[in-house]
Amino acid sequence: MFEAFDAILLARIQFAFTVSFHIIFPAFSIGLASYLAVLEALWLWKKDVVYLELFNFWKTIFAVAFGMGVVSGIVMSYQFGTNWSVFSDKAGPVIGPLMGYEVLTAFFLEAGFLGVMLFGLNRVGPKLHFLATAMVAFGTLISATWILAVNSWMQTPAGFSMNEAGQFVPDDWWAVIFNPSFPYRLVHMVLAAYLTTAFVVGGCGAFHLLRKTAPRRAYTMFSMAMWMAAIVAPIQIFAGDQHGLNTLEHQPAKVMAMEGHYESHPDGAPLILFGIPNAAEKRVDYAIEIPKLSSLILKHDLNAPLAGLDTIPEELHPPVGIVFWSFRVMLVIGFSMLGIGVWSLWCRYRGTLGTNAWLHRTVVLMGPAGFLAVLAGWVTTEVGRQPYTVYGHLLTAESISPIGAPAVGASLIAFIIVYFFVFGAGTFYILRLMARLPRDAMPELDEGPIRTAGVMPGPAQPHGAHHGH
């Protein structure tokens, strides 16, 4: 059945499939943990019960997402031993300790305080409970730090030497961890997690504003999410630009694939907006481009020369078509988020943030967009690194276990079946929880008719003033 595929391709598909499922949960839980900490801090500060109600609602969703992230991460890690044992042997002296530190520092911190955060408010008191929430949020950020250190080292390896067995041996742990691309990747990923969470929370709030259920709570979460979008989206675009410049310096072939530059441009390279990469003819068909703009963006000079893939041996080219399109998907979603953030500021200025149905519908549609952007960004990063696992030092073809295609293919089918069943059920449960916010979840707070169009009363207004209490 799998004779038409080789083991390398199937192993890559399997890892791509499992990591795609895994990454959406940490991307959500990183942002949601910080959001929970902000909600509890606002409750302690303003003594407004709405923030506690939202905290109690979102903490349940966080617990489910956190659990699915842990399970999918454990399954993914086993593939290092099954499909990528040669990579594990050669790179293990570097990446093994880093992943161990992630468990010892971040996961233990998250797991240790998670129970207190979920069940301990009435047992330990508000202040100690807030400390637990803050530690869970801090733990998610530390976890991202270690994992991004591992991945960044594979992208821009530093601080190592090779021993006689062909293994990567750490010489300078500071250089290993703080490798050239690490700060850019960490900032870019954490901001992506915050934007992802903002649009999930905003989409949930917009959904309930459209339904006109519990308008004060729905407006509160929608308003907070739109502040996050308006503030973080432009910062993310700037951070992404800086990340791109760093990638051009250390992984030029990846940028060439992202830009669709098969040929070098000695007098300024065009920015190809859209087109169809033609690997056989080494060109982009039907290209829509702006002359010299790529040189301006990457070199800050309209006439700056930019090298193309024609300067690199063909066997070292990344798959241009995949990288070209995944990069554009990420860009389109990122600028759409920026546009929604600006739109929300205009509505806020006009006093229609809680009543603009078109904005609410748009944000509901954009609810899953952050996950798509994260996946597109990771596809760009990982496929653009090919044909290497450790960039410039260890080829993917040299990293795979001595295993046959049928074995990899059978396990891939098993993963697909189990993942869609288990994680499909978990995702459906999360969506059900979101749909119940907030009247069905807390009916005693929603007695009487809903008389507002979703405009939140001021902080000094008595709770329930818009619910006929």
Protein backbone atom coordinates (compact mmCIF):
# COMPACT_ATOMS: atom_id res chain seq x y z
CA MET A 1 0.00 0.00 0.00
CA PHE A 2 2.83 2.40 0.84
CA GLU A 3 5.36 1.22 -1.74
CA ALA A 4 4.88 4.43 -3.75
CA PHE A 5 6.10 6.47 -0.78
CA ASP A 6 9.48 6.39 0.88
CA ALA A 7 9.95 6.21 4.62
CA ILE A 8 11.39 9.73 4.83
CA LEU A 9 8.32 11.32 3.26
CA LEU A 10 5.92 9.32 5.41
CA ALA A 11 7.89 10.08 8.58
CA ARG A 12 7.84 13.78 7.73
CA ILE A 13 4.09 13.67 7.06
CA GLN A 14 3.53 11.89 10.36
CA PHE A 15 5.57 14.39 12.34
CA ALA A 16 3.89 17.29 10.51
CA PHE A 17 0.47 15.84 11.29
CA THR A 18 1.13 15.32 14.99
CA VAL A 19 2.92 18.65 15.51
CA SER A 20 0.08 20.46 13.70
CA PHE A 21 -2.40 19.04 16.19
CA HIS A 22 -0.09 19.71 19.12
CA ILE A 23 0.86 23.31 18.40
CA ILE A 24 -2.68 24.64 18.34
CA PHE A 25 -3.18 23.71 22.00
CA PRO A 26 -0.03 25.38 23.42
CA ALA A 27 -0.69 28.39 21.18
CA PHE A 28 -4.11 28.68 22.83
CA SER A 29 -3.10 27.79 26.38
CA ILE A 30 -0.15 30.23 26.45
CA GLY A 31 -2.42 33.15 25.65
CA LEU A 32 -5.38 31.90 27.69
CA ALA A 33 -3.27 31.43 30.84
CA SER A 34 -2.14 35.05 30.65
CA TYR A 35 -5.73 36.14 29.98
CA LEU A 36 -6.87 34.26 33.10
CA ALA A 37 -4.20 36.02 35.15
CA VAL A 38 -5.38 39.40 33.83
CA LEU A 39 -9.03 38.58 34.59
CA GLU A 40 -8.24 37.58 38.17
CA ALA A 41 -6.03 40.63 38.68
CA LEU A 42 -8.86 42.89 37.46
CA TRP A 43 -11.30 41.14 39.79
CA LEU A 44 -8.99 41.68 42.78
CA TRP A 45 -8.40 45.29 41.79
CA LYS A 46 -11.89 46.44 40.74
CA LYS A 47 -13.96 44.05 42.89
CA ASP A 48 -16.21 43.53 39.86
CA VAL A 49 -17.75 40.07 39.87
CA VAL A 50 -17.95 40.00 36.06
CA TYR A 51 -14.20 39.36 35.87
CA LEU A 52 -14.51 36.43 38.28
CA GLU A 53 -17.40 35.00 36.26
CA LEU A 54 -15.32 35.17 33.08
CA PHE A 55 -12.34 33.68 34.90
CA ASN A 56 -14.40 30.72 36.08
CA PHE A 57 -15.76 30.18 32.60
CA TRP A 58 -12.43 30.33 30.72
CA LYS A 59 -10.50 28.29 33.29
CA THR A 60 -12.60 25.23 32.39
CA ILE A 61 -11.74 25.67 28.71
CA PHE A 62 -8.09 26.17 29.64
CA ALA A 63 -8.06 22.89 31.57
CA VAL A 64 -9.40 20.96 28.58
CA ALA A 65 -6.98 22.62 26.13
CA PHE A 66 -4.06 22.10 28.53
CA GLY A 67 -4.86 18.41 28.87
CA MET A 68 -5.08 17.89 25.12
CA GLY A 69 -1.80 19.76 24.67
CA VAL A 70 -0.03 17.51 27.16
CA VAL A 71 -1.34 14.32 25.55
CA SER A 72 -0.50 15.40 22.00
CA GLY A 73 2.97 16.53 23.10
CA ILE A 74 3.79 13.21 24.72
CA VAL A 75 2.73 11.29 21.62
CA MET A 76 4.77 13.59 19.40
CA SER A 77 7.93 13.17 21.46
CA TYR A 78 7.91 9.39 20.99
CA GLN A 79 8.54 9.87 17.29
CA PHE A 80 12.07 11.01 18.06
CA GLY A 81 12.78 7.46 19.08
CA THR A 82 10.67 5.62 16.51
CA ASN A 83 11.08 7.53 13.24
CA TRP A 84 14.02 9.83 13.95
CA SER A 85 16.40 7.78 16.09
CA VAL A 86 19.50 8.85 14.11
CA PHE A 87 18.62 12.48 14.68
CA SER A 88 18.04 11.75 18.37
CA ASP A 89 21.43 10.07 18.62
CA LYS A 90 23.33 12.85 16.88
CA ALA A 91 21.50 15.88 18.32
CA GLY A 92 20.50 14.35 21.65
CA PRO A 93 23.43 15.79 23.66
CA VAL A 94 22.10 19.27 22.83
CA ILE A 95 18.32 18.98 22.58
CA GLY A 96 17.87 16.30 25.27
CA PRO A 97 18.88 18.52 28.22
CA LEU A 98 16.89 21.46 26.87
CA MET A 99 13.71 19.40 26.65
CA GLY A 100 14.43 17.99 30.09
CA TYR A 101 14.72 21.52 31.48
CA GLU A 102 11.34 22.32 29.93
CA VAL A 103 9.75 19.48 31.90
CA LEU A 104 11.58 20.27 35.14
CA THR A 105 10.90 24.01 35.14
CA ALA A 106 7.83 24.75 33.06
CA PHE A 107 5.69 21.64 33.16
CA PHE A 108 6.23 21.00 36.87
CA LEU A 109 5.36 24.65 37.55
CA GLU A 110 2.19 24.47 35.47
CA ALA A 111 1.08 21.11 36.82
CA GLY A 112 1.95 22.01 40.39
CA PHE A 113 -0.22 25.12 40.47
CA LEU A 114 -2.94 24.01 38.02
CA GLY A 115 -4.98 22.19 40.67
CA VAL A 116 -4.90 25.23 42.95
CA MET A 117 -5.98 27.48 40.08
CA LEU A 118 -8.85 25.21 39.08
CA PHE A 119 -10.22 24.21 42.49
CA GLY A 120 -8.51 26.21 45.23
CA LEU A 121 -10.10 29.68 45.36
CA ASN A 122 -12.29 28.91 48.37
CA ARG A 123 -9.51 26.93 50.07
CA VAL A 124 -6.43 29.13 49.80
CA GLY A 125 -7.96 32.59 49.48
CA PRO A 126 -7.93 35.13 46.62
CA LYS A 127 -4.32 36.33 46.89
CA LEU A 128 -2.69 32.92 47.02
CA HIS A 129 -5.05 31.75 44.31
CA PHE A 130 -3.95 34.63 42.09
CA LEU A 131 -0.34 33.61 42.72
CA ALA A 132 -1.20 30.11 41.48
CA THR A 133 -2.83 31.54 38.35
CA ALA A 134 0.19 33.74 37.71
CA MET A 135 2.52 30.76 38.13
CA VAL A 136 0.53 28.74 35.61
CA ALA A 137 0.74 31.63 33.15
CA PHE A 138 4.46 32.04 33.84
CA GLY A 139 4.95 28.30 33.38
CA THR A 140 3.40 28.39 29.91
CA LEU A 141 5.81 31.17 28.92
CA ILE A 142 8.80 29.26 30.31
CA SER A 143 7.65 26.18 28.40
CA ALA A 144 7.53 28.19 25.19
CA THR A 145 11.01 29.53 25.94
CA TRP A 146 12.62 26.08 26.19
CA ILE A 147 10.80 24.61 23.20
CA LEU A 148 11.64 27.63 21.06
CA ALA A 149 15.26 27.35 22.19
CA VAL A 150 15.33 23.76 20.88
CA ASN A 151 13.70 24.63 17.59
CA SER A 152 15.77 27.78 17.11
CA TRP A 153 18.98 25.84 17.67
CA MET A 154 17.93 23.43 14.92
CA GLN A 155 17.34 26.44 12.66
CA THR A 156 20.47 28.44 13.58
CA PRO A 157 22.79 26.02 15.44
CA ALA A 158 25.50 27.57 17.61
CA GLY A 159 27.69 26.78 20.62
CA PHE A 160 28.56 23.19 19.67
CA SER A 161 31.27 20.98 18.22
CA MET A 162 31.19 17.53 16.60
CA ASN A 163 32.73 14.53 18.34
CA GLU A 164 34.23 11.50 16.65
CA ALA A 165 30.87 9.70 16.60
CA GLY A 166 29.33 12.53 14.59
CA GLN A 167 27.29 13.86 17.52
CA PHE A 168 26.60 17.50 18.30
CA VAL A 169 28.31 18.24 21.62
CA PRO A 170 27.52 21.47 23.49
CA ASP A 171 30.51 23.73 24.11
CA ASP A 172 28.68 26.84 25.30
CA TRP A 173 25.16 26.45 26.69
CA TRP A 174 24.52 30.19 26.55
CA ALA A 175 25.29 30.16 22.84
CA VAL A 176 23.16 27.03 22.36
CA ILE A 177 20.11 28.52 24.09
CA PHE A 178 20.49 32.13 22.94
CA ASN A 179 21.31 31.19 19.36
CA PRO A 180 20.98 33.86 16.65
CA SER A 181 17.30 33.30 15.84
CA PHE A 182 16.00 32.48 19.34
CA PRO A 183 14.91 35.97 20.49
CA TYR A 184 13.04 36.62 17.25
CA ARG A 185 11.26 33.26 17.27
CA LEU A 186 10.29 33.52 20.93
CA VAL A 187 8.77 36.99 20.56
CA HIS A 188 7.03 36.05 17.32
CA MET A 189 5.53 32.87 18.77
CA VAL A 190 4.36 34.38 22.07
CA LEU A 191 2.71 37.29 20.27
CA ALA A 192 1.09 34.79 17.91
CA ALA A 193 -0.29 32.90 20.92
CA TYR A 194 -1.72 36.12 22.38
CA LEU A 195 -3.37 37.05 19.08
CA THR A 196 -4.73 33.53 18.66
CA THR A 197 -6.33 33.66 22.09
CA ALA A 198 -7.59 37.21 21.56
CA PHE A 199 -9.55 36.20 18.48
CA VAL A 200 -10.96 33.07 20.14
CA VAL A 201 -12.10 35.13 23.13
CA GLY A 202 -13.27 37.94 20.87
CA GLY A 203 -15.14 35.53 18.62
CA CYS A 204 -16.88 34.01 21.64
CA GLY A 205 -17.82 37.44 22.95
CA ALA A 206 -19.03 38.58 19.52
CA PHE A 207 -21.12 35.43 19.15
CA HIS A 208 -22.96 36.17 22.39
CA LEU A 209 -23.33 39.84 21.58
CA LEU A 210 -25.09 38.80 18.37
CA ARG A 211 -27.31 36.45 20.40
CA LYS A 212 -27.88 39.26 22.95
CA THR A 213 -27.23 36.94 25.89
CA ALA A 214 -25.47 38.27 29.01
CA PRO A 215 -24.41 41.47 27.25
CA ARG A 216 -22.19 42.84 29.99
CA ARG A 217 -20.02 39.76 30.23
CA ALA A 218 -19.99 39.27 26.45
CA TYR A 219 -19.02 42.90 25.92
CA THR A 220 -16.28 42.74 28.56
CA MET A 221 -14.49 39.83 26.90
CA PHE A 222 -15.04 41.27 23.42
CA SER A 223 -13.66 44.65 24.44
CA MET A 224 -10.58 43.10 26.09
CA ALA A 225 -9.95 40.95 23.01
CA MET A 226 -10.20 43.91 20.65
CA TRP A 227 -7.73 45.89 22.78
CA MET A 228 -5.33 42.98 22.43
CA ALA A 229 -5.83 42.85 18.66
CA ALA A 230 -5.38 46.59 18.23
CA ILE A 231 -2.21 46.71 20.33
CA VAL A 232 -0.49 43.40 19.55
CA ALA A 233 -1.20 43.02 15.81
CA PRO A 234 1.04 45.95 14.74
CA ILE A 235 3.74 44.83 17.18
CA GLN A 236 3.54 41.33 15.70
CA ILE A 237 3.94 42.66 12.15
CA PHE A 238 7.04 44.59 13.22
CA ALA A 239 8.40 41.54 15.08
CA GLY A 240 7.76 39.40 12.01
CA ASP A 241 9.66 41.85 9.83
CA GLN A 242 12.65 41.70 12.18
CA HIS A 243 12.42 37.91 12.23
CA GLY A 244 12.47 37.92 8.43
CA LEU A 245 15.63 40.02 8.34
CA ASN A 246 17.26 37.60 10.79
CA THR A 247 16.18 34.67 8.60
CA LEU A 248 17.66 36.35 5.53
CA GLU A 249 21.00 36.56 7.35
CA HIS A 250 21.10 32.98 8.63
CA GLN A 251 18.78 30.99 6.32
CA PRO A 252 18.77 32.82 2.98
CA ALA A 253 17.35 29.85 1.03
CA LYS A 254 14.21 29.95 3.19
CA VAL A 255 13.64 33.62 2.37
CA MET A 256 14.25 32.94 -1.32
CA ALA A 257 11.49 30.32 -1.19
CA MET A 258 9.18 32.61 0.76
CA GLU A 259 9.66 35.38 -1.79
CA GLY A 260 9.55 33.06 -4.82
CA HIS A 261 12.96 34.26 -5.99
CA TYR A 262 14.21 31.48 -8.25
CA GLU A 263 16.56 33.93 -9.95
CA SER A 264 18.96 36.50 -8.53
CA HIS A 265 18.14 40.18 -8.96
CA PRO A 266 21.29 42.33 -9.16
CA ASP A 267 19.39 45.64 -9.52
CA GLY A 268 16.57 45.25 -7.03
CA ALA A 269 14.16 42.35 -6.49
CA PRO A 270 10.38 42.61 -6.99
CA LEU A 271 7.88 41.72 -4.29
CA ILE A 272 5.76 38.89 -5.68
CA LEU A 273 2.32 39.28 -4.15
CA PHE A 274 0.75 36.17 -5.69
CA GLY A 275 1.58 33.60 -8.33
CA ILE A 276 2.06 29.90 -8.93
CA PRO A 277 5.61 28.62 -8.27
CA ASN A 278 6.79 26.43 -11.15
CA ALA A 279 9.52 24.14 -9.80
CA ALA A 280 10.19 22.54 -13.19
CA GLU A 281 10.80 25.83 -14.99
CA LYS A 282 12.24 27.62 -11.92
CA ARG A 283 9.89 30.57 -12.12
CA VAL A 284 6.64 31.92 -10.67
CA ASP A 285 3.86 31.75 -13.22
CA TYR A 286 1.14 34.43 -13.41
CA ALA A 287 3.11 36.54 -10.93
CA ILE A 288 1.56 39.73 -9.60
CA GLU A 289 4.52 41.76 -8.39
CA ILE A 290 5.68 45.21 -7.34
CA PRO A 291 9.11 46.10 -8.81
CA LYS A 292 12.02 46.45 -6.38
CA LEU A 293 9.83 46.35 -3.26
CA SER A 294 11.36 43.12 -1.93
CA SER A 295 14.80 44.76 -1.93
CA LEU A 296 13.35 47.75 -0.09
CA ILE A 297 11.77 45.52 2.58
CA LEU A 298 14.73 43.17 3.05
CA LYS A 299 17.63 45.54 2.41
CA HIS A 300 16.01 48.97 2.86
CA ASP A 301 17.28 49.92 -0.58
CA LEU A 302 15.24 49.79 -3.80
CA ASN A 303 18.28 48.83 -5.88
CA ALA A 304 19.92 46.43 -3.44
CA PRO A 305 20.84 43.10 -5.07
CA LEU A 306 19.15 39.95 -3.79
CA ALA A 307 20.45 36.45 -4.48
CA GLY A 308 18.05 33.78 -5.71
CA LEU A 309 17.85 30.01 -5.57
CA ASP A 310 20.03 29.87 -8.68
CA THR A 311 22.99 30.51 -6.34
CA ILE A 312 22.27 27.34 -4.32
CA PRO A 313 22.62 23.70 -5.47
CA GLU A 314 19.22 22.38 -6.47
CA GLU A 315 19.38 19.47 -4.03
CA LEU A 316 19.49 22.03 -1.19
CA HIS A 317 16.39 23.94 -2.32
CA PRO A 318 13.43 23.89 0.07
CA PRO A 319 10.00 23.02 -1.41
CA VAL A 320 9.22 26.46 -2.82
CA GLY A 321 5.50 26.02 -3.49
CA ILE A 322 4.61 25.06 0.09
CA VAL A 323 6.76 27.76 1.69
CA PHE A 324 5.60 30.42 -0.80
CA TRP A 325 1.92 29.86 -0.07
CA SER A 326 2.10 29.19 3.68
CA PHE A 327 4.00 32.45 4.11
CA ARG A 328 1.25 34.35 2.26
CA VAL A 329 -1.51 32.72 4.27
CA MET A 330 0.23 33.90 7.45
CA LEU A 331 0.66 37.42 6.07
CA VAL A 332 -2.94 37.76 4.90
CA ILE A 333 -4.27 36.64 8.28
CA GLY A 334 -1.86 38.93 10.15
CA PHE A 335 -2.86 42.02 8.20
CA SER A 336 -6.54 41.04 8.52
CA MET A 337 -6.09 41.00 12.30
CA LEU A 338 -4.50 44.43 12.09
CA GLY A 339 -7.44 45.69 10.06
CA ILE A 340 -9.94 44.36 12.61
CA GLY A 341 -7.96 45.99 15.40
CA VAL A 342 -8.14 49.36 13.64
CA TRP A 343 -11.85 48.83 12.90
CA SER A 344 -12.50 48.09 16.57
CA LEU A 345 -10.73 51.31 17.60
CA TRP A 346 -12.95 53.28 15.23
CA CYS A 347 -16.06 51.61 16.64
CA ARG A 348 -14.84 52.21 20.17
CA TYR A 349 -14.32 55.89 19.37
CA ARG A 350 -17.85 56.13 17.94
CA GLY A 351 -19.35 54.22 20.86
CA THR A 352 -20.56 51.33 18.71
CA LEU A 353 -18.14 48.59 19.74
CA GLY A 354 -20.93 46.68 21.48
CA THR A 355 -23.58 47.24 18.78
CA ASN A 356 -21.78 46.97 15.41
CA ALA A 357 -23.15 43.67 14.14
CA TRP A 358 -20.87 43.59 11.09
CA LEU A 359 -17.81 43.84 13.30
CA HIS A 360 -19.19 41.08 15.52
CA ARG A 361 -19.88 38.78 12.56
CA THR A 362 -16.41 39.40 11.17
CA VAL A 363 -14.74 38.60 14.49
CA VAL A 364 -16.79 35.40 14.83
CA LEU A 365 -15.54 34.34 11.39
CA MET A 366 -11.98 35.27 12.40
CA GLY A 367 -12.20 33.21 15.61
CA PRO A 368 -10.08 30.29 14.29
CA ALA A 369 -7.83 32.53 12.16
CA GLY A 370 -5.06 32.63 14.75
CA PHE A 371 -4.69 28.85 14.63
CA LEU A 372 -4.44 28.96 10.85
CA ALA A 373 -1.79 31.67 11.06
CA VAL A 374 0.23 29.69 13.61
CA LEU A 375 0.07 26.57 11.45
CA ALA A 376 1.03 28.54 8.33
CA GLY A 377 3.96 30.11 10.21
CA TRP A 378 5.22 26.75 11.41
CA VAL A 379 4.92 25.26 7.93
CA THR A 380 6.96 28.17 6.61
CA THR A 381 9.57 27.67 9.30
CA GLU A 382 9.88 23.89 9.16
CA VAL A 383 9.45 23.22 5.45
CA GLY A 384 11.67 26.19 4.67
CA ARG A 385 14.46 24.54 6.69
CA GLN A 386 14.51 21.53 4.40
CA PRO A 387 16.46 19.54 3.38
CA TYR A 388 18.03 19.85 6.85
CA THR A 389 16.96 18.89 10.34
CA VAL A 390 19.89 20.81 11.85
CA TYR A 391 20.34 23.61 9.36
CA GLY A 392 23.55 23.36 7.37
CA HIS A 393 24.84 20.35 9.34
CA LEU A 394 22.46 17.37 9.33
CA LEU A 395 20.26 16.43 6.39
CA THR A 396 16.76 15.06 6.90
CA ALA A 397 17.68 12.03 4.80
CA GLU A 398 20.48 11.29 7.28
CA SER A 399 18.23 11.68 10.34
CA ILE A 400 15.62 8.98 9.87
CA SER A 401 15.50 5.63 11.64
CA PRO A 402 16.25 2.43 9.69
CA ILE A 403 12.55 1.69 9.30
CA GLY A 404 10.41 0.65 6.35
CA ALA A 405 7.69 2.70 4.69
CA PRO A 406 4.88 0.20 5.56
CA ALA A 407 5.58 0.51 9.29
CA VAL A 408 5.59 4.33 9.16
CA GLY A 409 2.48 4.36 6.98
CA ALA A 410 0.56 2.05 9.31
CA SER A 411 1.38 4.17 12.36
CA LEU A 412 0.42 7.30 10.39
CA ILE A 413 -3.04 5.87 9.66
CA ALA A 414 -3.42 4.93 13.34
CA PHE A 415 -2.48 8.47 14.39
CA ILE A 416 -4.98 10.01 11.97
CA ILE A 417 -7.85 7.83 13.20
CA VAL A 418 -7.12 8.29 16.92
CA TYR A 419 -6.34 11.99 16.67
CA PHE A 420 -9.48 12.88 14.79
CA PHE A 421 -11.59 10.88 17.22
CA VAL A 422 -10.01 12.05 20.49
CA PHE A 423 -9.10 15.62 19.62
CA GLY A 424 -12.21 16.06 17.51
CA ALA A 425 -14.29 15.19 20.56
CA GLY A 426 -12.22 17.53 22.74
CA THR A 427 -12.54 20.42 20.31
CA PHE A 428 -16.30 19.82 20.01
CA TYR A 429 -16.55 19.91 23.82
CA ILE A 430 -14.67 23.22 23.97
CA LEU A 431 -17.00 24.72 21.35
CA ARG A 432 -19.99 23.50 23.37
CA LEU A 433 -18.59 25.20 26.45
CA MET A 434 -18.13 28.45 24.56
CA ALA A 435 -21.67 28.29 23.22
CA ARG A 436 -23.03 28.03 26.77
CA LEU A 437 -21.54 31.34 27.89
CA PRO A 438 -22.86 32.73 30.04
CA ARG A 439 -26.57 32.30 30.72
CA ASP A 440 -26.74 28.50 30.56
CA ALA A 441 -23.57 28.19 32.63
CA MET A 442 -24.69 30.69 35.32
CA PRO A 443 -28.50 31.02 34.99
CA GLU A 444 -28.96 32.76 38.32
CA LEU A 445 -27.14 35.83 36.96
CA ASP A 446 -29.34 36.21 33.89
CA GLU A 447 -32.87 36.33 35.26
CA GLY A 448 -35.24 38.72 33.57
CA PRO A 449 -35.29 40.08 30.02
CA ILE A 450 -32.21 41.24 28.15
CA ARG A 451 -32.77 44.91 27.43
CA THR A 452 -29.46 45.99 25.94
CA ALA A 453 -27.79 45.70 22.57
CA GLY A 454 -24.52 44.72 24.18
CA VAL A 455 -23.26 47.97 25.71
CA MET A 456 -21.37 47.46 28.93
CA PRO A 457 -22.29 49.72 31.85
CA GLY A 458 -19.53 51.62 33.56
CA PRO A 459 -17.56 50.09 36.43
CA ALA A 460 -19.45 52.11 39.04
CA GLN A 461 -22.86 50.92 37.81
CA PRO A 462 -24.46 48.25 39.99
CA HIS A 463 -24.05 44.71 38.77
CA GLY A 464 -27.18 43.47 37.02
CA ALA A 465 -28.44 46.95 36.02
CA HIS A 466 -28.91 45.70 32.46
CA HIS A 467 -30.62 42.47 33.44
CA GLY A 468 -33.80 43.74 35.04
CA HIS A 469 -32.63 42.98 38.60
